[in-house]
């Protein structure tokens, strides 16, 4: 996950490819503002750069519940990386290396959120 590299925005796949020349796969993750800053929680390489944004306004996409977080956690002590998706209410930052918040979760506990 990249937001900035050496203080400059990584706002295109071509910029990312120049940073990571051996890149095989990339995708846009989470939500972002027009200035390309993340909307909601953003953790990069273990550093929290943005906090959780709680929104309960179903009149716009980001406010539809439940809000979710995709994360990659360092599993301690066995040093295995574990990816997970959780709600913002269940999120715990212990050993999280990367995370991005997004909403709404498209499916949660086998229930599709209402429009």
C-alpha atoms as a PDB file:
ATOM      1  CA  UNK A   1       0.000   0.000   0.000  1.00  0.00           C
ATOM      2  CA  UNK A   2       1.340   3.374  -1.038  1.00  0.00           C
ATOM      3  CA  UNK A   3       0.049   6.894  -0.511  1.00  0.00           C
ATOM      4  CA  UNK A   4       3.297   8.868  -0.730  1.00  0.00           C
ATOM      5  CA  UNK A   5       6.878   7.941  -1.540  1.00  0.00           C
ATOM      6  CA  UNK A   6       9.725  10.260  -0.519  1.00  0.00           C
ATOM      7  CA  UNK A   7       7.122  12.950   0.163  1.00  0.00           C
ATOM      8  CA  UNK A   8       5.529  12.747  -3.305  1.00  0.00           C
ATOM      9  CA  UNK A   9       2.061  11.375  -4.067  1.00  0.00           C
ATOM     10  CA  UNK A  10       1.839   7.944  -5.634  1.00  0.00           C
ATOM     11  CA  UNK A  11      -1.357   8.729  -7.515  1.00  0.00           C
ATOM     12  CA  UNK A  12      -0.976   6.539 -10.592  1.00  0.00           C
ATOM     13  CA  UNK A  13       0.009   3.016 -11.473  1.00  0.00           C
ATOM     14  CA  UNK A  14       2.874   4.310 -13.624  1.00  0.00           C
ATOM     15  CA  UNK A  15       4.306   6.180 -10.606  1.00  0.00           C
ATOM     16  CA  UNK A  16       3.966   3.035  -8.516  1.00  0.00           C
ATOM     17  CA  UNK A  17       5.701   0.989 -11.226  1.00  0.00           C
ATOM     18  CA  UNK A  18       8.645   3.413 -11.141  1.00  0.00           C
ATOM     19  CA  UNK A  19       8.938   2.866  -7.364  1.00  0.00           C
ATOM     20  CA  UNK A  20       8.430  -0.901  -7.588  1.00  0.00           C
ATOM     21  CA  UNK A  21       9.848  -1.950 -10.992  1.00  0.00           C
ATOM     22  CA  UNK A  22       9.191  -5.664 -10.332  1.00  0.00           C
ATOM     23  CA  UNK A  23       5.512  -4.989  -9.608  1.00  0.00           C
ATOM     24  CA  UNK A  24       3.265  -7.703 -11.033  1.00  0.00           C
ATOM     25  CA  UNK A  25      -0.142  -6.734  -9.630  1.00  0.00           C
ATOM     26  CA  UNK A  26      -1.632  -3.527  -8.219  1.00  0.00           C
ATOM     27  CA  UNK A  27      -5.089  -2.191  -7.483  1.00  0.00           C
ATOM     28  CA  UNK A  28      -6.699   0.892  -6.019  1.00  0.00           C
ATOM     29  CA  UNK A  29      -7.639   0.304  -2.399  1.00  0.00           C
ATOM     30  CA  UNK A  30      -9.942   2.165  -0.059  1.00  0.00           C
ATOM     31  CA  UNK A  31     -11.467   5.566  -0.637  1.00  0.00           C
ATOM     32  CA  UNK A  32      -9.621   8.838  -1.117  1.00  0.00           C
ATOM     33  CA  UNK A  33     -10.283  12.561  -1.287  1.00  0.00           C
ATOM     34  CA  UNK A  34      -9.646  14.716  -4.405  1.00  0.00           C
ATOM     35  CA  UNK A  35      -6.134  15.470  -3.063  1.00  0.00           C
ATOM     36  CA  UNK A  36      -5.502  11.679  -3.035  1.00  0.00           C
ATOM     37  CA  UNK A  37      -5.345  11.515   0.770  1.00  0.00           C
ATOM     38  CA  UNK A  38      -7.067   8.441   2.244  1.00  0.00           C
ATOM     39  CA  UNK A  39     -10.583   8.777   3.629  1.00  0.00           C
ATOM     40  CA  UNK A  40     -10.574   7.063   6.989  1.00  0.00           C
ATOM     41  CA  UNK A  41      -8.040   4.759   8.552  1.00  0.00           C
ATOM     42  CA  UNK A  42      -4.756   4.354   6.719  1.00  0.00           C
ATOM     43  CA  UNK A  43      -1.772   2.467   8.141  1.00  0.00           C
ATOM     44  CA  UNK A  44       1.361   2.107   6.041  1.00  0.00           C
ATOM     45  CA  UNK A  45       4.325   0.016   7.147  1.00  0.00           C
ATOM     46  CA  UNK A  46       3.054   0.008  10.745  1.00  0.00           C
ATOM     47  CA  UNK A  47       2.545   3.788  10.960  1.00  0.00           C
ATOM     48  CA  UNK A  48      -0.994   5.192  11.337  1.00  0.00           C
ATOM     49  CA  UNK A  49      -1.202   8.123   8.928  1.00  0.00           C
ATOM     50  CA  UNK A  50      -4.983   8.693   9.137  1.00  0.00           C
ATOM     51  CA  UNK A  51      -7.499   7.775  11.863  1.00  0.00           C
ATOM     52  CA  UNK A  52     -10.817   5.954  11.519  1.00  0.00           C
ATOM     53  CA  UNK A  53     -13.637   8.083  10.088  1.00  0.00           C
ATOM     54  CA  UNK A  54     -16.993   7.136  11.576  1.00  0.00           C
ATOM     55  CA  UNK A  55     -19.961   8.078   9.447  1.00  0.00           C
ATOM     56  CA  UNK A  56     -23.603   7.094   9.937  1.00  0.00           C
ATOM     57  CA  UNK A  57     -25.191   8.957   7.044  1.00  0.00           C
ATOM     58  CA  UNK A  58     -26.799   6.489   4.647  1.00  0.00           C
ATOM     59  CA  UNK A  59     -27.508   9.321   2.187  1.00  0.00           C
ATOM     60  CA  UNK A  60     -24.034   8.814   0.767  1.00  0.00           C
ATOM     61  CA  UNK A  61     -21.982   5.702   0.071  1.00  0.00           C
ATOM     62  CA  UNK A  62     -19.357   6.094   2.801  1.00  0.00           C
ATOM     63  CA  UNK A  63     -21.996   6.411   5.515  1.00  0.00           C
ATOM     64  CA  UNK A  64     -23.745   3.106   4.764  1.00  0.00           C
ATOM     65  CA  UNK A  65     -23.084   0.562   7.501  1.00  0.00           C
ATOM     66  CA  UNK A  66     -21.118  -1.458   8.239  1.00  0.00           C
ATOM     67  CA  UNK A  67     -17.904   0.392   7.521  1.00  0.00           C
ATOM     68  CA  UNK A  68     -15.004  -1.964   6.957  1.00  0.00           C
ATOM     69  CA  UNK A  69     -11.234  -2.176   7.206  1.00  0.00           C
ATOM     70  CA  UNK A  70      -8.910  -4.298   5.103  1.00  0.00           C
ATOM     71  CA  UNK A  71      -5.710  -5.031   6.988  1.00  0.00           C
ATOM     72  CA  UNK A  72      -2.487  -6.971   6.828  1.00  0.00           C
ATOM     73  CA  UNK A  73      -1.237  -8.000  10.231  1.00  0.00           C
ATOM     74  CA  UNK A  74       2.151  -9.354  11.263  1.00  0.00           C
ATOM     75  CA  UNK A  75       1.292 -12.517  13.137  1.00  0.00           C
ATOM     76  CA  UNK A  76       3.497 -12.549  16.182  1.00  0.00           C
ATOM     77  CA  UNK A  77       5.523 -14.570  17.166  1.00  0.00           C
ATOM     78  CA  UNK A  78       5.563 -16.804  14.077  1.00  0.00           C
ATOM     79  CA  UNK A  79       6.172 -13.888  11.655  1.00  0.00           C
ATOM     80  CA  UNK A  80       3.442 -14.852   9.214  1.00  0.00           C
ATOM     81  CA  UNK A  81       1.508 -12.105   7.475  1.00  0.00           C
ATOM     82  CA  UNK A  82      -2.247 -12.390   7.889  1.00  0.00           C
ATOM     83  CA  UNK A  83      -4.788 -10.485   5.763  1.00  0.00           C
ATOM     84  CA  UNK A  84      -8.256  -9.802   7.136  1.00  0.00           C
ATOM     85  CA  UNK A  85     -11.393  -7.726   6.733  1.00  0.00           C
ATOM     86  CA  UNK A  86     -13.195  -6.417   9.799  1.00  0.00           C
ATOM     87  CA  UNK A  87     -15.693  -3.751  10.771  1.00  0.00           C
ATOM     88  CA  UNK A  88     -14.450  -0.492  12.244  1.00  0.00           C
ATOM     89  CA  UNK A  89     -16.107  -1.459  15.538  1.00  0.00           C
ATOM     90  CA  UNK A  90     -14.153  -4.734  15.720  1.00  0.00           C
ATOM     91  CA  UNK A  91     -10.821  -3.304  14.531  1.00  0.00           C
ATOM     92  CA  UNK A  92      -7.799  -3.725  16.816  1.00  0.00           C
ATOM     93  CA  UNK A  93      -4.504  -2.151  15.751  1.00  0.00           C
ATOM     94  CA  UNK A  94      -2.261  -4.762  17.409  1.00  0.00           C
ATOM     95  CA  UNK A  95       0.538  -5.729  15.009  1.00  0.00           C
ATOM     96  CA  UNK A  96      -1.190  -4.173  11.974  1.00  0.00           C
ATOM     97  CA  UNK A  97       1.319  -3.404   9.247  1.00  0.00           C
ATOM     98  CA  UNK A  98      -1.067  -2.086   6.569  1.00  0.00           C
ATOM     99  CA  UNK A  99      -4.728  -1.057   6.699  1.00  0.00           C
ATOM    100  CA  UNK A 100      -7.267   0.929   4.715  1.00  0.00           C
ATOM    101  CA  UNK A 101     -10.838   1.814   5.641  1.00  0.00           C
ATOM    102  CA  UNK A 102     -13.711   1.639   3.211  1.00  0.00           C
ATOM    103  CA  UNK A 103     -17.471   1.611   3.285  1.00  0.00           C
ATOM    104  CA  UNK A 104     -19.851   0.054   2.957  1.00  0.00           C
ATOM    105  CA  UNK A 105     -18.799  -3.541   3.336  1.00  0.00           C
ATOM    106  CA  UNK A 106     -20.496  -5.290   0.419  1.00  0.00           C
ATOM    107  CA  UNK A 107     -21.295  -8.345   2.514  1.00  0.00           C
ATOM    108  CA  UNK A 108     -20.993  -8.917   6.229  1.00  0.00           C
ATOM    109  CA  UNK A 109     -22.089 -12.008   8.156  1.00  0.00           C
ATOM    110  CA  UNK A 110     -23.882 -13.215   5.011  1.00  0.00           C
ATOM    111  CA  UNK A 111     -26.045 -10.056   4.889  1.00  0.00           C
ATOM    112  CA  UNK A 112     -25.881  -7.527   2.052  1.00  0.00           C
ATOM    113  CA  UNK A 113     -26.337  -3.970   3.414  1.00  0.00           C
ATOM    114  CA  UNK A 114     -29.451  -2.076   2.277  1.00  0.00           C
ATOM    115  CA  UNK A 115     -29.089   0.757  -0.237  1.00  0.00           C
END
